[in-house]
Amino acid sequence: MLKSQRLIQLIMLINAKKSFTVPELAAEFGLSTRTITRDLQELSQLGVPIYSVQGRGGGYRLLQERLLPPITFSESEAISIYFACHSLQYFGSLPFDDGAATSLQKFYHYLPSDVKEQIDRLRDKVVIWNPYRSMSTKCLKALLQSIMIKSCVTIEYNSSNGISSRDIQPIGLYASKGYWYCPAYCFSRKDYRLFRADRIHSVKLNPSVVFMKEVDQRSVEEWNAPELRKKEKTTLVIQLTLIGLRTLKNDGWFGDSLEFREDGTGLARLSIPIDNLPFFVDLVWRLGEEAKILEPEKAVDLIQQKIRKITGVYGKSDNTD
């Protein structure tokens, strides 16, 4: 076996172990302890974070930040990975420390010169853009850590009712339109809730709260699906102009519910929980005259209430003496 191949296999082996000794590795590779010792010293010089454990039962361990073995990519794979990581710069905050930026720098540095030229050419031509939203990086990192180590957390959350302390078990994190969201089980409300990360003022790991396996089994994509299936539903029907249809076509809430007409207009017809009706009415309200709710009547009433409030704000003032 070539020495380079042996070093790569050695990295893979020690990455899989929490701790190891030179005799163990020597037996694994069928080499002398002197050769393995030299290999470990060389890996350490290359940046593999190995440290020795003194005393009885000692040996070697890896620091928490382990190094991954080399991976080969095609040119198209390299370009796609670069721009996928590059797109993260448009987020106001990330839960990954500086890892995204430093990994991108390393990745770019070792690319062949011709691939670098292609990327440099595309750098200002291809942008995966997200609206910039300011939020606490510290809170995002703490939420991500709690998910990785299976721990509940206590958060200070600013809702419409003011700031409150909540014990939650995060299910995951996802980003949408520049915002980060954390679906979680809220022990205070005894129900599943969706928390917007920019409204979380602080996050503290709380091992005293019992971590629930059934919550951990849920995914971000369907974090509240069982509860939604149980809720009473209503059918929301919206008449859309050409512009309204184009606007909702790329909206995740409405995309699968659209019906297209030959004249370019259309309908949105979707079944939603009655409790969520105000949320969807707010989405339709933003479309102005490009959308008209046909049913249910309760949704029409909510729109009319908004119209009366706006009329009150912009109505003619009484200037008579």
C-alpha atoms as a PDB file:
ATOM      1  CA  MET A   1       0.000   0.000   0.000  1.00  0.00           C
ATOM      2  CA  LEU A   2       1.278   3.472  -0.887  1.00  0.00           C
ATOM      3  CA  LYS A   3       1.997   5.728   2.056  1.00  0.00           C
ATOM      4  CA  SER A   4      -0.547   8.313   0.827  1.00  0.00           C
ATOM      5  CA  GLN A   5      -3.252   5.638   0.699  1.00  0.00           C
ATOM      6  CA  ARG A   6      -2.287   4.427   4.163  1.00  0.00           C
ATOM      7  CA  LEU A   7      -2.537   7.942   5.626  1.00  0.00           C
ATOM      8  CA  ILE A   8      -5.994   8.414   4.131  1.00  0.00           C
ATOM      9  CA  GLN A   9      -7.170   5.080   5.578  1.00  0.00           C
ATOM     10  CA  LEU A  10      -5.583   6.030   8.897  1.00  0.00           C
ATOM     11  CA  ILE A  11      -7.568   9.292   8.959  1.00  0.00           C
ATOM     12  CA  MET A  12     -10.793   7.379   8.246  1.00  0.00           C
ATOM     13  CA  LEU A  13     -10.052   4.818  10.975  1.00  0.00           C
ATOM     14  CA  ILE A  14      -9.184   7.260  13.757  1.00  0.00           C
ATOM     15  CA  ASN A  15     -12.154   9.452  12.831  1.00  0.00           C
ATOM     16  CA  ALA A  16     -14.384   6.469  13.578  1.00  0.00           C
ATOM     17  CA  LYS A  17     -12.778   5.872  16.995  1.00  0.00           C
ATOM     18  CA  LYS A  18     -13.202   7.934  20.147  1.00  0.00           C
ATOM     19  CA  SER A  19      -9.771   6.863  21.332  1.00  0.00           C
ATOM     20  CA  PHE A  20      -7.045   4.525  20.170  1.00  0.00           C
ATOM     21  CA  THR A  21      -3.535   3.266  20.944  1.00  0.00           C
ATOM     22  CA  VAL A  22      -0.527   2.789  18.700  1.00  0.00           C
ATOM     23  CA  PRO A  23      -0.494  -1.041  19.192  1.00  0.00           C
ATOM     24  CA  GLU A  24      -4.200  -1.179  18.162  1.00  0.00           C
ATOM     25  CA  LEU A  25      -3.505   0.704  14.951  1.00  0.00           C
ATOM     26  CA  ALA A  26      -0.344  -1.324  14.276  1.00  0.00           C
ATOM     27  CA  ALA A  27      -2.346  -4.558  14.570  1.00  0.00           C
ATOM     28  CA  GLU A  28      -5.098  -3.127  12.332  1.00  0.00           C
ATOM     29  CA  PHE A  29      -2.660  -2.229   9.545  1.00  0.00           C
ATOM     30  CA  GLY A  30      -0.152  -5.024  10.093  1.00  0.00           C
ATOM     31  CA  LEU A  31       2.669  -2.535  10.612  1.00  0.00           C
ATOM     32  CA  SER A  32       5.212  -1.820  13.324  1.00  0.00           C
ATOM     33  CA  THR A  33       4.401   0.549  16.166  1.00  0.00           C
ATOM     34  CA  ARG A  34       7.327   2.727  15.040  1.00  0.00           C
ATOM     35  CA  THR A  35       5.743   3.193  11.567  1.00  0.00           C
ATOM     36  CA  ILE A  36       2.336   4.009  13.049  1.00  0.00           C
ATOM     37  CA  THR A  37       3.920   6.496  15.448  1.00  0.00           C
ATOM     38  CA  ARG A  38       5.639   8.259  12.532  1.00  0.00           C
ATOM     39  CA  ASP A  39       2.340   8.301  10.594  1.00  0.00           C
ATOM     40  CA  LEU A  40       0.496   9.868  13.539  1.00  0.00           C
ATOM     41  CA  GLN A  41       3.185  12.516  13.889  1.00  0.00           C
ATOM     42  CA  GLU A  42       2.885  13.311  10.173  1.00  0.00           C
ATOM     43  CA  LEU A  43      -0.912  13.566  10.383  1.00  0.00           C
ATOM     44  CA  SER A  44      -0.563  15.895  13.350  1.00  0.00           C
ATOM     45  CA  GLN A  45       1.792  18.126  11.327  1.00  0.00           C
ATOM     46  CA  LEU A  46      -0.802  18.151   8.505  1.00  0.00           C
ATOM     47  CA  GLY A  47      -3.422  19.492  10.915  1.00  0.00           C
ATOM     48  CA  VAL A  48      -5.230  16.373  12.161  1.00  0.00           C
ATOM     49  CA  PRO A  49      -6.084  17.322  15.798  1.00  0.00           C
ATOM     50  CA  ILE A  50      -4.574  14.318  17.609  1.00  0.00           C
ATOM     51  CA  TYR A  51      -3.510  14.587  21.258  1.00  0.00           C
ATOM     52  CA  SER A  52      -2.007  12.039  23.608  1.00  0.00           C
ATOM     53  CA  VAL A  53      -3.633  10.831  26.836  1.00  0.00           C
ATOM     54  CA  GLN A  54      -1.159  10.330  29.684  1.00  0.00           C
ATOM     55  CA  GLY A  55      -1.337   7.763  32.476  1.00  0.00           C
ATOM     56  CA  ARG A  56      -2.778   4.287  32.820  1.00  0.00           C
ATOM     57  CA  GLY A  57      -4.978   3.315  29.904  1.00  0.00           C
ATOM     58  CA  GLY A  58      -3.607   6.213  27.900  1.00  0.00           C
ATOM     59  CA  GLY A  59      -3.286   6.443  24.171  1.00  0.00           C
ATOM     60  CA  TYR A  60      -4.513   8.996  21.658  1.00  0.00           C
ATOM     61  CA  ARG A  61      -7.710  10.928  21.117  1.00  0.00           C
ATOM     62  CA  LEU A  62      -9.073  13.317  18.543  1.00  0.00           C
ATOM     63  CA  LEU A  63     -10.223  16.783  19.455  1.00  0.00           C
ATOM     64  CA  GLN A  64     -13.906  17.529  18.877  1.00  0.00           C
ATOM     65  CA  GLU A  65     -13.251  19.053  15.443  1.00  0.00           C
ATOM     66  CA  ARG A  66     -12.235  16.037  13.394  1.00  0.00           C
ATOM     67  CA  LEU A  67     -10.827  16.178   9.863  1.00  0.00           C
ATOM     68  CA  LEU A  68     -12.514  14.401   6.999  1.00  0.00           C
ATOM     69  CA  PRO A  69     -10.574  12.364   4.441  1.00  0.00           C
ATOM     70  CA  PRO A  70     -10.084  13.792   0.923  1.00  0.00           C
ATOM     71  CA  ILE A  71     -13.102  13.651  -1.407  1.00  0.00           C
ATOM     72  CA  THR A  72     -12.934  13.968  -5.183  1.00  0.00           C
ATOM     73  CA  PHE A  73     -15.407  16.066  -7.195  1.00  0.00           C
ATOM     74  CA  SER A  74     -16.096  16.565 -10.877  1.00  0.00           C
ATOM     75  CA  GLU A  75     -15.881  20.131 -12.244  1.00  0.00           C
ATOM     76  CA  SER A  76     -19.671  20.527 -12.329  1.00  0.00           C
ATOM     77  CA  GLU A  77     -19.942  19.177  -8.762  1.00  0.00           C
ATOM     78  CA  ALA A  78     -17.258  21.582  -7.565  1.00  0.00           C
ATOM     79  CA  ILE A  79     -19.012  24.586  -9.136  1.00  0.00           C
ATOM     80  CA  SER A  80     -22.410  23.596  -7.731  1.00  0.00           C
ATOM     81  CA  ILE A  81     -20.965  23.065  -4.226  1.00  0.00           C
ATOM     82  CA  TYR A  82     -19.172  26.408  -4.371  1.00  0.00           C
ATOM     83  CA  PHE A  83     -22.304  28.376  -5.231  1.00  0.00           C
ATOM     84  CA  ALA A  84     -24.436  26.436  -2.749  1.00  0.00           C
ATOM     85  CA  CYS A  85     -22.056  27.542   0.029  1.00  0.00           C
ATOM     86  CA  HIS A  86     -21.633  30.993  -1.521  1.00  0.00           C
ATOM     87  CA  SER A  87     -25.399  31.591  -1.257  1.00  0.00           C
ATOM     88  CA  LEU A  88     -25.198  31.407   2.550  1.00  0.00           C
ATOM     89  CA  GLN A  89     -23.494  34.807   2.677  1.00  0.00           C
ATOM     90  CA  TYR A  90     -26.843  36.464   1.969  1.00  0.00           C
ATOM     91  CA  PHE A  91     -28.294  35.277   5.272  1.00  0.00           C
ATOM     92  CA  GLY A  92     -28.055  37.786   8.103  1.00  0.00           C
ATOM     93  CA  SER A  93     -27.078  35.011  10.539  1.00  0.00           C
ATOM     94  CA  LEU A  94     -26.086  31.356  10.337  1.00  0.00           C
ATOM     95  CA  PRO A  95     -25.966  28.602  12.985  1.00  0.00           C
ATOM     96  CA  PHE A  96     -22.613  27.301  11.721  1.00  0.00           C
ATOM     97  CA  ASP A  97     -20.045  29.673  13.300  1.00  0.00           C
ATOM     98  CA  ASP A  98     -17.584  30.726  10.586  1.00  0.00           C
ATOM     99  CA  GLY A  99     -17.508  27.212   9.167  1.00  0.00           C
ATOM    100  CA  ALA A 100     -19.331  28.100   5.960  1.00  0.00           C
ATOM    101  CA  ALA A 101     -16.928  30.928   5.106  1.00  0.00           C
ATOM    102  CA  THR A 102     -13.706  29.093   6.010  1.00  0.00           C
ATOM    103  CA  SER A 103     -14.741  25.881   4.255  1.00  0.00           C
ATOM    104  CA  LEU A 104     -15.559  27.875   1.123  1.00  0.00           C
ATOM    105  CA  GLN A 105     -12.135  29.534   1.231  1.00  0.00           C
ATOM    106  CA  LYS A 106     -10.389  26.170   1.593  1.00  0.00           C
ATOM    107  CA  PHE A 107     -12.502  24.614  -1.134  1.00  0.00           C
ATOM    108  CA  TYR A 108     -11.773  27.446  -3.580  1.00  0.00           C
ATOM    109  CA  HIS A 109      -8.052  27.547  -2.732  1.00  0.00           C
ATOM    110  CA  TYR A 110      -7.425  23.958  -3.840  1.00  0.00           C
ATOM    111  CA  LEU A 111      -9.454  24.052  -7.050  1.00  0.00           C
ATOM    112  CA  PRO A 112      -7.612  23.847 -10.388  1.00  0.00           C
ATOM    113  CA  SER A 113      -6.905  27.234 -11.953  1.00  0.00           C
ATOM    114  CA  ASP A 114      -9.276  26.698 -14.894  1.00  0.00           C
ATOM    115  CA  VAL A 115     -12.170  25.847 -12.538  1.00  0.00           C
ATOM    116  CA  LYS A 116     -11.329  28.938 -10.479  1.00  0.00           C
ATOM    117  CA  GLU A 117     -11.584  30.999 -13.666  1.00  0.00           C
ATOM    118  CA  GLN A 118     -15.044  29.590 -14.350  1.00  0.00           C
ATOM    119  CA  ILE A 119     -16.177  30.404 -10.808  1.00  0.00           C
ATOM    120  CA  ASP A 120     -14.668  33.900 -10.958  1.00  0.00           C
ATOM    121  CA  ARG A 121     -16.560  34.475 -14.183  1.00  0.00           C
ATOM    122  CA  LEU A 122     -19.845  33.334 -12.605  1.00  0.00           C
ATOM    123  CA  ARG A 123     -19.332  34.901  -9.171  1.00  0.00           C
ATOM    124  CA  ASP A 124     -21.247  38.092 -10.058  1.00  0.00           C
ATOM    125  CA  LYS A 125     -23.480  36.379 -12.611  1.00  0.00           C
ATOM    126  CA  VAL A 126     -25.116  33.689 -10.474  1.00  0.00           C
ATOM    127  CA  VAL A 127     -26.648  34.635  -7.133  1.00  0.00           C
ATOM    128  CA  ILE A 128     -28.910  32.534  -4.915  1.00  0.00           C
ATOM    129  CA  TRP A 129     -30.314  35.491  -3.046  1.00  0.00           C
ATOM    130  CA  ASN A 130     -32.147  35.738   0.264  1.00  0.00           C
ATOM    131  CA  PRO A 131     -33.504  38.874   1.950  1.00  0.00           C
ATOM    132  CA  TYR A 132     -31.070  40.000   4.651  1.00  0.00           C
ATOM    133  CA  ARG A 133     -32.627  39.552   8.105  1.00  0.00           C
ATOM    134  CA  SER A 134     -30.827  40.454  11.291  1.00  0.00           C
ATOM    135  CA  MET A 135     -31.015  37.935  14.141  1.00  0.00           C
ATOM    136  CA  SER A 136     -28.870  36.457  16.890  1.00  0.00           C
ATOM    137  CA  THR A 137     -26.197  34.089  15.589  1.00  0.00           C
ATOM    138  CA  LYS A 138     -25.616  32.990  19.186  1.00  0.00           C
ATOM    139  CA  CYS A 139     -29.225  31.844  19.540  1.00  0.00           C
ATOM    140  CA  LEU A 140     -29.143  29.997  16.209  1.00  0.00           C
ATOM    141  CA  LYS A 141     -25.961  28.149  17.197  1.00  0.00           C
ATOM    142  CA  ALA A 142     -27.439  27.204  20.578  1.00  0.00           C
ATOM    143  CA  LEU A 143     -30.576  25.822  18.915  1.00  0.00           C
ATOM    144  CA  LEU A 144     -28.471  23.813  16.454  1.00  0.00           C
ATOM    145  CA  GLN A 145     -26.338  22.479  19.303  1.00  0.00           C
ATOM    146  CA  SER A 146     -29.422  21.377  21.251  1.00  0.00           C
ATOM    147  CA  ILE A 147     -30.649  19.448  18.207  1.00  0.00           C
ATOM    148  CA  MET A 148     -27.285  17.732  17.724  1.00  0.00           C
ATOM    149  CA  ILE A 149     -26.860  16.683  21.359  1.00  0.00           C
ATOM    150  CA  LYS A 150     -30.569  15.927  21.975  1.00  0.00           C
ATOM    151  CA  SER A 151     -31.183  18.530  24.654  1.00  0.00           C
ATOM    152  CA  CYS A 152     -34.136  20.712  25.560  1.00  0.00           C
ATOM    153  CA  VAL A 153     -33.653  24.466  25.952  1.00  0.00           C
ATOM    154  CA  THR A 154     -35.159  27.437  27.764  1.00  0.00           C
ATOM    155  CA  ILE A 155     -35.774  30.439  25.540  1.00  0.00           C
ATOM    156  CA  GLU A 156     -36.903  34.025  26.041  1.00  0.00           C
ATOM    157  CA  TYR A 157     -39.425  34.597  23.256  1.00  0.00           C
ATOM    158  CA  ASN A 158     -41.028  37.827  22.094  1.00  0.00           C
ATOM    159  CA  SER A 159     -44.545  36.988  20.902  1.00  0.00           C
ATOM    160  CA  SER A 160     -47.572  39.229  20.343  1.00  0.00           C
ATOM    161  CA  ASN A 161     -48.276  38.881  24.073  1.00  0.00           C
ATOM    162  CA  GLY A 162     -44.826  40.126  25.088  1.00  0.00           C
ATOM    163  CA  ILE A 163     -41.639  38.381  26.214  1.00  0.00           C
ATOM    164  CA  SER A 164     -42.078  35.047  27.974  1.00  0.00           C
ATOM    165  CA  SER A 165     -39.850  32.193  29.108  1.00  0.00           C
ATOM    166  CA  ARG A 166     -40.492  28.871  27.370  1.00  0.00           C
ATOM    167  CA  ASP A 167     -39.070  25.381  27.811  1.00  0.00           C
ATOM    168  CA  ILE A 168     -38.962  23.780  24.365  1.00  0.00           C
ATOM    169  CA  GLN A 169     -37.558  20.759  22.565  1.00  0.00           C
ATOM    170  CA  PRO A 170     -36.411  21.898  19.098  1.00  0.00           C
ATOM    171  CA  ILE A 171     -37.253  19.597  16.193  1.00  0.00           C
ATOM    172  CA  GLY A 172     -35.039  21.361  13.669  1.00  0.00           C
ATOM    173  CA  LEU A 173     -34.252  24.604  11.864  1.00  0.00           C
ATOM    174  CA  TYR A 174     -35.265  25.841   8.443  1.00  0.00           C
ATOM    175  CA  ALA A 175     -34.884  29.085   6.523  1.00  0.00           C
ATOM    176  CA  SER A 176     -37.571  30.805   4.460  1.00  0.00           C
ATOM    177  CA  LYS A 177     -37.370  34.237   2.808  1.00  0.00           C
ATOM    178  CA  GLY A 178     -34.329  35.118   4.891  1.00  0.00           C
ATOM    179  CA  TYR A 179     -35.871  34.164   8.253  1.00  0.00           C
ATOM    180  CA  TRP A 180     -34.875  31.155  10.346  1.00  0.00           C
ATOM    181  CA  TYR A 181     -37.652  29.129  11.974  1.00  0.00           C
ATOM    182  CA  CYS A 182     -37.544  26.530  14.730  1.00  0.00           C
ATOM    183  CA  PRO A 183     -40.462  24.062  14.996  1.00  0.00           C
ATOM    184  CA  ALA A 184     -40.478  22.669  18.516  1.00  0.00           C
ATOM    185  CA  TYR A 185     -42.546  21.117  21.254  1.00  0.00           C
ATOM    186  CA  CYS A 186     -43.408  23.790  23.823  1.00  0.00           C
ATOM    187  CA  PHE A 187     -43.670  22.389  27.356  1.00  0.00           C
ATOM    188  CA  SER A 188     -45.286  25.644  28.528  1.00  0.00           C
ATOM    189  CA  ARG A 189     -48.159  25.333  25.997  1.00  0.00           C
ATOM    190  CA  LYS A 190     -48.086  21.523  25.926  1.00  0.00           C
ATOM    191  CA  ASP A 191     -48.285  21.642  22.149  1.00  0.00           C
ATOM    192  CA  TYR A 192     -46.155  21.994  19.032  1.00  0.00           C
ATOM    193  CA  ARG A 193     -45.259  25.544  18.061  1.00  0.00           C
ATOM    194  CA  LEU A 194     -43.277  27.327  15.344  1.00  0.00           C
ATOM    195  CA  PHE A 195     -40.796  29.914  16.678  1.00  0.00           C
ATOM    196  CA  ARG A 196     -39.237  32.622  14.501  1.00  0.00           C
ATOM    197  CA  ALA A 197     -35.555  32.816  15.401  1.00  0.00           C
ATOM    198  CA  ASP A 198     -35.279  36.613  15.231  1.00  0.00           C
ATOM    199  CA  ARG A 199     -37.873  36.827  18.028  1.00  0.00           C
ATOM    200  CA  ILE A 200     -35.830  34.584  20.343  1.00  0.00           C
ATOM    201  CA  HIS A 201     -33.816  36.792  22.729  1.00  0.00           C
ATOM    202  CA  SER A 202     -31.837  34.036  24.464  1.00  0.00           C
ATOM    203  CA  VAL A 203     -31.324  30.264  24.423  1.00  0.00           C
ATOM    204  CA  LYS A 204     -29.951  28.132  27.265  1.00  0.00           C
ATOM    205  CA  LEU A 205     -29.495  24.371  27.308  1.00  0.00           C
ATOM    206  CA  ASN A 206     -31.727  22.882  29.978  1.00  0.00           C
ATOM    207  CA  PRO A 207     -30.880  19.218  30.721  1.00  0.00           C
ATOM    208  CA  SER A 208     -33.379  19.234  33.621  1.00  0.00           C
ATOM    209  CA  VAL A 209     -36.241  19.096  31.091  1.00  0.00           C
ATOM    210  CA  VAL A 210     -36.858  15.508  30.000  1.00  0.00           C
ATOM    211  CA  PHE A 211     -36.001  14.985  26.318  1.00  0.00           C
ATOM    212  CA  MET A 212     -38.884  13.209  24.534  1.00  0.00           C
ATOM    213  CA  LYS A 213     -38.091  10.556  21.937  1.00  0.00           C
ATOM    214  CA  GLU A 214     -41.430  10.947  20.146  1.00  0.00           C
ATOM    215  CA  VAL A 215     -40.682  14.630  19.516  1.00  0.00           C
ATOM    216  CA  ASP A 216     -37.197  13.838  18.222  1.00  0.00           C
ATOM    217  CA  GLN A 217     -38.681  11.432  15.653  1.00  0.00           C
ATOM    218  CA  ARG A 218     -40.492  14.256  13.858  1.00  0.00           C
ATOM    219  CA  SER A 219     -38.968  15.919  10.809  1.00  0.00           C
ATOM    220  CA  VAL A 220     -38.865  19.603   9.896  1.00  0.00           C
ATOM    221  CA  GLU A 221     -40.968  18.942   6.787  1.00  0.00           C
ATOM    222  CA  GLU A 222     -43.886  17.437   8.716  1.00  0.00           C
ATOM    223  CA  TRP A 223     -43.304  18.693  12.250  1.00  0.00           C
ATOM    224  CA  ASN A 224     -47.038  19.300  12.914  1.00  0.00           C
ATOM    225  CA  ALA A 225     -48.646  16.970  10.345  1.00  0.00           C
ATOM    226  CA  PRO A 226     -50.393  14.692  12.916  1.00  0.00           C
ATOM    227  CA  GLU A 227     -52.039  17.698  14.600  1.00  0.00           C
ATOM    228  CA  LEU A 228     -53.109  19.267  11.290  1.00  0.00           C
ATOM    229  CA  ARG A 229     -54.856  16.056  10.240  1.00  0.00           C
ATOM    230  CA  LYS A 230     -56.987  16.172  13.402  1.00  0.00           C
ATOM    231  CA  LYS A 231     -58.097  19.816  13.053  1.00  0.00           C
ATOM    232  CA  GLU A 232     -61.411  20.898  11.564  1.00  0.00           C
ATOM    233  CA  LYS A 233     -60.906  22.054   7.977  1.00  0.00           C
ATOM    234  CA  THR A 234     -62.459  24.606   5.673  1.00  0.00           C
ATOM    235  CA  THR A 235     -62.010  25.215   1.937  1.00  0.00           C
ATOM    236  CA  LEU A 236     -60.514  28.546   0.979  1.00  0.00           C
ATOM    237  CA  VAL A 237     -61.312  29.638  -2.577  1.00  0.00           C
ATOM    238  CA  ILE A 238     -59.587  32.687  -4.085  1.00  0.00           C
ATOM    239  CA  GLN A 239     -60.223  34.292  -7.467  1.00  0.00           C
ATOM    240  CA  LEU A 240     -56.969  35.520  -9.005  1.00  0.00           C
ATOM    241  CA  THR A 241     -55.990  37.913 -11.758  1.00  0.00           C
ATOM    242  CA  LEU A 242     -53.058  37.186 -14.034  1.00  0.00           C
ATOM    243  CA  ILE A 243     -50.715  39.052 -11.674  1.00  0.00           C
ATOM    244  CA  GLY A 244     -52.214  37.392  -8.609  1.00  0.00           C
ATOM    245  CA  LEU A 245     -51.786  33.972 -10.183  1.00  0.00           C
ATOM    246  CA  ARG A 246     -48.165  34.691 -11.057  1.00  0.00           C
ATOM    247  CA  THR A 247     -47.499  35.885  -7.507  1.00  0.00           C
ATOM    248  CA  LEU A 248     -48.939  32.787  -5.844  1.00  0.00           C
ATOM    249  CA  LYS A 249     -47.453  30.369  -8.370  1.00  0.00           C
ATOM    250  CA  ASN A 250     -44.105  30.453  -6.570  1.00  0.00           C
ATOM    251  CA  ASP A 251     -45.576  30.643  -3.071  1.00  0.00           C
ATOM    252  CA  GLY A 252     -45.082  27.476  -1.053  1.00  0.00           C
ATOM    253  CA  TRP A 253     -48.463  27.861   0.643  1.00  0.00           C
ATOM    254  CA  PHE A 254     -50.495  28.047  -2.570  1.00  0.00           C
ATOM    255  CA  GLY A 255     -48.429  26.496  -5.385  1.00  0.00           C
ATOM    256  CA  ASP A 256     -50.155  23.083  -5.444  1.00  0.00           C
ATOM    257  CA  SER A 257     -53.684  24.510  -5.134  1.00  0.00           C
ATOM    258  CA  LEU A 258     -53.818  26.696  -8.253  1.00  0.00           C
ATOM    259  CA  GLU A 259     -56.272  26.204 -11.138  1.00  0.00           C
ATOM    260  CA  PHE A 260     -55.410  27.955 -14.430  1.00  0.00           C
ATOM    261  CA  ARG A 261     -57.882  29.391 -16.939  1.00  0.00           C
ATOM    262  CA  GLU A 262     -57.301  29.974 -20.633  1.00  0.00           C
ATOM    263  CA  ASP A 263     -57.482  33.773 -20.228  1.00  0.00           C
ATOM    264  CA  GLY A 264     -54.515  33.728 -17.817  1.00  0.00           C
ATOM    265  CA  THR A 265     -56.540  34.174 -14.632  1.00  0.00           C
ATOM    266  CA  GLY A 266     -57.279  31.385 -12.187  1.00  0.00           C
ATOM    267  CA  LEU A 267     -58.368  30.109  -8.793  1.00  0.00           C
ATOM    268  CA  ALA A 268     -56.644  28.928  -5.654  1.00  0.00           C
ATOM    269  CA  ARG A 269     -58.562  26.216  -3.854  1.00  0.00           C
ATOM    270  CA  LEU A 270     -57.065  24.678  -0.732  1.00  0.00           C
ATOM    271  CA  SER A 271     -58.190  22.882   2.393  1.00  0.00           C
ATOM    272  CA  ILE A 272     -56.838  24.499   5.569  1.00  0.00           C
ATOM    273  CA  PRO A 273     -57.476  24.231   9.315  1.00  0.00           C
ATOM    274  CA  ILE A 274     -60.098  26.780  10.397  1.00  0.00           C
ATOM    275  CA  ASP A 275     -57.682  28.025  13.087  1.00  0.00           C
ATOM    276  CA  ASN A 276     -55.228  29.030  10.336  1.00  0.00           C
ATOM    277  CA  LEU A 277     -57.757  31.127   8.396  1.00  0.00           C
ATOM    278  CA  PRO A 278     -56.507  34.541   9.667  1.00  0.00           C
ATOM    279  CA  PHE A 279     -52.965  33.631   8.563  1.00  0.00           C
ATOM    280  CA  PHE A 280     -54.077  32.853   4.993  1.00  0.00           C
ATOM    281  CA  VAL A 281     -56.323  35.922   4.875  1.00  0.00           C
ATOM    282  CA  ASP A 282     -53.255  38.041   5.692  1.00  0.00           C
ATOM    283  CA  LEU A 283     -51.413  36.444   2.769  1.00  0.00           C
ATOM    284  CA  VAL A 284     -54.295  37.196   0.396  1.00  0.00           C
ATOM    285  CA  TRP A 285     -54.632  40.755   1.749  1.00  0.00           C
ATOM    286  CA  ARG A 286     -51.128  41.568   0.524  1.00  0.00           C
ATOM    287  CA  LEU A 287     -52.238  40.902  -3.064  1.00  0.00           C
ATOM    288  CA  GLY A 288     -54.716  43.790  -2.971  1.00  0.00           C
ATOM    289  CA  GLU A 289     -57.009  43.941  -6.008  1.00  0.00           C
ATOM    290  CA  GLU A 290     -55.204  41.010  -7.655  1.00  0.00           C
ATOM    291  CA  ALA A 291     -57.114  38.523  -5.471  1.00  0.00           C
ATOM    292  CA  LYS A 292     -60.687  38.118  -4.230  1.00  0.00           C
ATOM    293  CA  ILE A 293     -61.770  35.568  -1.617  1.00  0.00           C
ATOM    294  CA  LEU A 294     -64.949  33.773  -2.702  1.00  0.00           C
ATOM    295  CA  GLU A 295     -65.344  31.473   0.291  1.00  0.00           C
ATOM    296  CA  PRO A 296     -65.667  30.761   3.156  1.00  0.00           C
ATOM    297  CA  GLU A 297     -67.807  33.629   4.383  1.00  0.00           C
ATOM    298  CA  LYS A 298     -65.704  33.966   7.531  1.00  0.00           C
ATOM    299  CA  ALA A 299     -62.643  34.784   5.406  1.00  0.00           C
ATOM    300  CA  VAL A 300     -64.627  37.409   3.491  1.00  0.00           C
ATOM    301  CA  ASP A 301     -65.674  38.939   6.832  1.00  0.00           C
ATOM    302  CA  LEU A 302     -62.003  39.142   7.910  1.00  0.00           C
ATOM    303  CA  ILE A 303     -61.134  40.994   4.686  1.00  0.00           C
ATOM    304  CA  GLN A 304     -64.024  43.413   5.188  1.00  0.00           C
ATOM    305  CA  GLN A 305     -62.848  44.103   8.743  1.00  0.00           C
ATOM    306  CA  LYS A 306     -59.418  45.002   7.384  1.00  0.00           C
ATOM    307  CA  ILE A 307     -60.993  47.298   4.787  1.00  0.00           C
ATOM    308  CA  ARG A 308     -62.978  49.142   7.473  1.00  0.00           C
ATOM    309  CA  LYS A 309     -59.854  49.609   9.593  1.00  0.00           C
ATOM    310  CA  ILE A 310     -57.858  50.949   6.647  1.00  0.00           C
ATOM    311  CA  THR A 311     -60.740  53.240   5.688  1.00  0.00           C
ATOM    312  CA  GLY A 312     -60.727  54.555   9.238  1.00  0.00           C
ATOM    313  CA  VAL A 313     -57.028  55.353   8.979  1.00  0.00           C
ATOM    314  CA  TYR A 314     -57.196  57.001   5.542  1.00  0.00           C
ATOM    315  CA  GLY A 315     -60.758  58.345   5.687  1.00  0.00           C
ATOM    316  CA  LYS A 316     -61.432  62.085   5.364  1.00  0.00           C
ATOM    317  CA  SER A 317     -60.825  63.973   8.589  1.00  0.00           C
ATOM    318  CA  ASP A 318     -63.495  66.301   9.897  1.00  0.00           C
ATOM    319  CA  ASN A 319     -62.096  69.828   9.589  1.00  0.00           C
ATOM    320  CA  THR A 320     -65.356  71.661  10.306  1.00  0.00           C
ATOM    321  CA  ASP A 321     -65.466  74.145  13.170  1.00  0.00           C
END
